[in-house]
Protein backbone atom coordinates (compact mmCIF):
# COMPACT_ATOMS: atom_id res chain seq x y z
CA UNK A 1 8.94 35.30 -40.85
CA UNK A 2 9.40 33.72 -37.43
CA UNK A 3 7.51 30.47 -36.92
CA UNK A 4 9.29 28.95 -33.93
CA UNK A 5 10.50 26.00 -36.02
CA UNK A 6 14.08 25.05 -36.74
CA UNK A 7 15.21 24.81 -40.34
CA UNK A 8 15.02 21.00 -40.31
CA UNK A 9 11.50 21.04 -38.85
CA UNK A 10 10.37 23.62 -41.42
CA UNK A 11 11.78 21.43 -44.23
CA UNK A 12 9.85 18.42 -42.91
CA UNK A 13 6.63 20.44 -42.66
CA UNK A 14 7.13 21.75 -46.20
CA UNK A 15 7.80 18.28 -47.66
CA UNK A 16 4.74 16.89 -45.85
CA UNK A 17 2.56 19.72 -47.19
CA UNK A 18 3.83 19.21 -50.75
CA UNK A 19 3.24 15.45 -50.43
CA UNK A 20 -0.38 16.01 -49.40
CA UNK A 21 -0.93 18.38 -52.36
CA UNK A 22 0.67 15.92 -54.79
CA UNK A 23 -1.49 13.03 -53.55
CA UNK A 24 -4.68 15.09 -53.77
CA UNK A 25 -3.90 16.28 -57.30
CA UNK A 26 -3.03 12.78 -58.53
CA UNK A 27 -6.36 11.51 -57.16
CA UNK A 28 -8.27 14.53 -58.60
CA UNK A 29 -9.59 15.56 -55.18
CA UNK A 30 -10.69 18.92 -53.86
CA UNK A 31 -7.94 20.66 -51.85
CA UNK A 32 -9.03 23.06 -49.11
CA UNK A 33 -6.80 25.92 -47.92
CA UNK A 34 -8.24 26.78 -44.52
CA UNK A 35 -10.55 29.80 -44.62
CA UNK A 36 -8.98 31.13 -47.83
CA UNK A 37 -10.55 28.90 -50.49
CA UNK A 38 -10.20 25.62 -52.33
CA UNK A 39 -8.58 24.18 -55.42
CA UNK A 40 -11.07 21.93 -57.17
CA UNK A 41 -10.76 19.63 -60.19
CA UNK A 42 -12.75 20.16 -63.38
CA UNK A 43 -12.87 17.19 -65.75
CA UNK A 44 -12.79 18.09 -69.43
CA UNK A 45 -14.35 15.58 -71.85
CA UNK A 46 -12.32 14.06 -74.68
CA UNK A 47 -12.49 15.95 -77.97
CA UNK A 48 -10.94 16.24 -81.42
CA UNK A 49 -8.66 19.16 -82.24
CA UNK A 50 -8.07 20.32 -85.81
CA UNK A 51 -4.79 21.97 -86.69
CA UNK A 52 -4.99 23.60 -90.11
CA UNK A 53 -1.28 23.91 -90.97
CA UNK A 54 2.05 22.09 -91.06
CA UNK A 55 5.27 23.85 -90.11
CA UNK A 56 7.97 23.49 -92.72
CA UNK A 57 11.62 24.46 -92.97
CA UNK A 58 12.44 28.07 -92.24
CA UNK A 59 9.31 28.45 -90.12
CA UNK A 60 7.10 28.34 -93.22
CA UNK A 61 3.53 27.09 -92.95
CA UNK A 62 1.64 24.92 -95.42
CA UNK A 63 -2.14 24.55 -95.36
CA UNK A 64 -3.11 21.07 -94.21
CA UNK A 65 -5.87 19.50 -92.16
CA UNK A 66 -4.66 17.35 -89.28
CA UNK A 67 -6.96 16.00 -86.58
CA UNK A 68 -5.72 15.07 -83.12
CA UNK A 69 -7.67 13.41 -80.34
CA UNK A 70 -7.30 14.80 -76.82
CA UNK A 71 -8.15 12.35 -74.04
CA UNK A 72 -10.10 13.30 -70.95
CA UNK A 73 -8.09 15.74 -68.87
CA UNK A 74 -8.36 17.41 -65.50
CA UNK A 75 -7.90 21.13 -64.92
CA UNK A 76 -7.78 22.79 -61.52
CA UNK A 77 -9.48 26.04 -60.59
CA UNK A 78 -9.11 28.06 -57.42
CA UNK A 79 -12.21 29.39 -55.71
CA UNK A 80 -12.04 31.98 -52.91
CA UNK A 81 -14.63 31.52 -50.20
CA UNK A 82 -17.25 34.31 -50.12
CA UNK A 83 -16.56 35.11 -46.48
CA UNK A 84 -12.85 35.64 -47.24
CA UNK A 85 -13.72 37.84 -50.23
CA UNK A 86 -16.04 40.02 -48.14
CA UNK A 87 -13.40 40.54 -45.46
CA UNK A 88 -10.58 41.34 -47.90
CA UNK A 89 -12.19 43.50 -50.56
CA UNK A 90 -9.99 46.28 -51.91
C-alpha cells in the first residue's frame, strides 16, 4: 500500500501509534479507532477460583480441592460503531 511515507517515517509513525495504545491500555482508558469503533476496558471484580484436581506424575489427576484468589483484572472488548456496522453489512 502506498502512503507517501519513507520507510523511516513509517517506522516512526508505527512506533508512535503503538506507544499511544500501550499508554492507554496501561491506564485502562477507552481507545477510539476513528469511525470504526472503540476498545474499552471492562473491570472484573476479584473472586475465588476452585480447582478440583492436582496433576501428578505421568499426567495423572488426583481429586483435591484447592482455592485460588484472583485479583481485580481488566479485560478489553471491541465495539463497532452502529453507523459503521450499517454501512458495512454483508
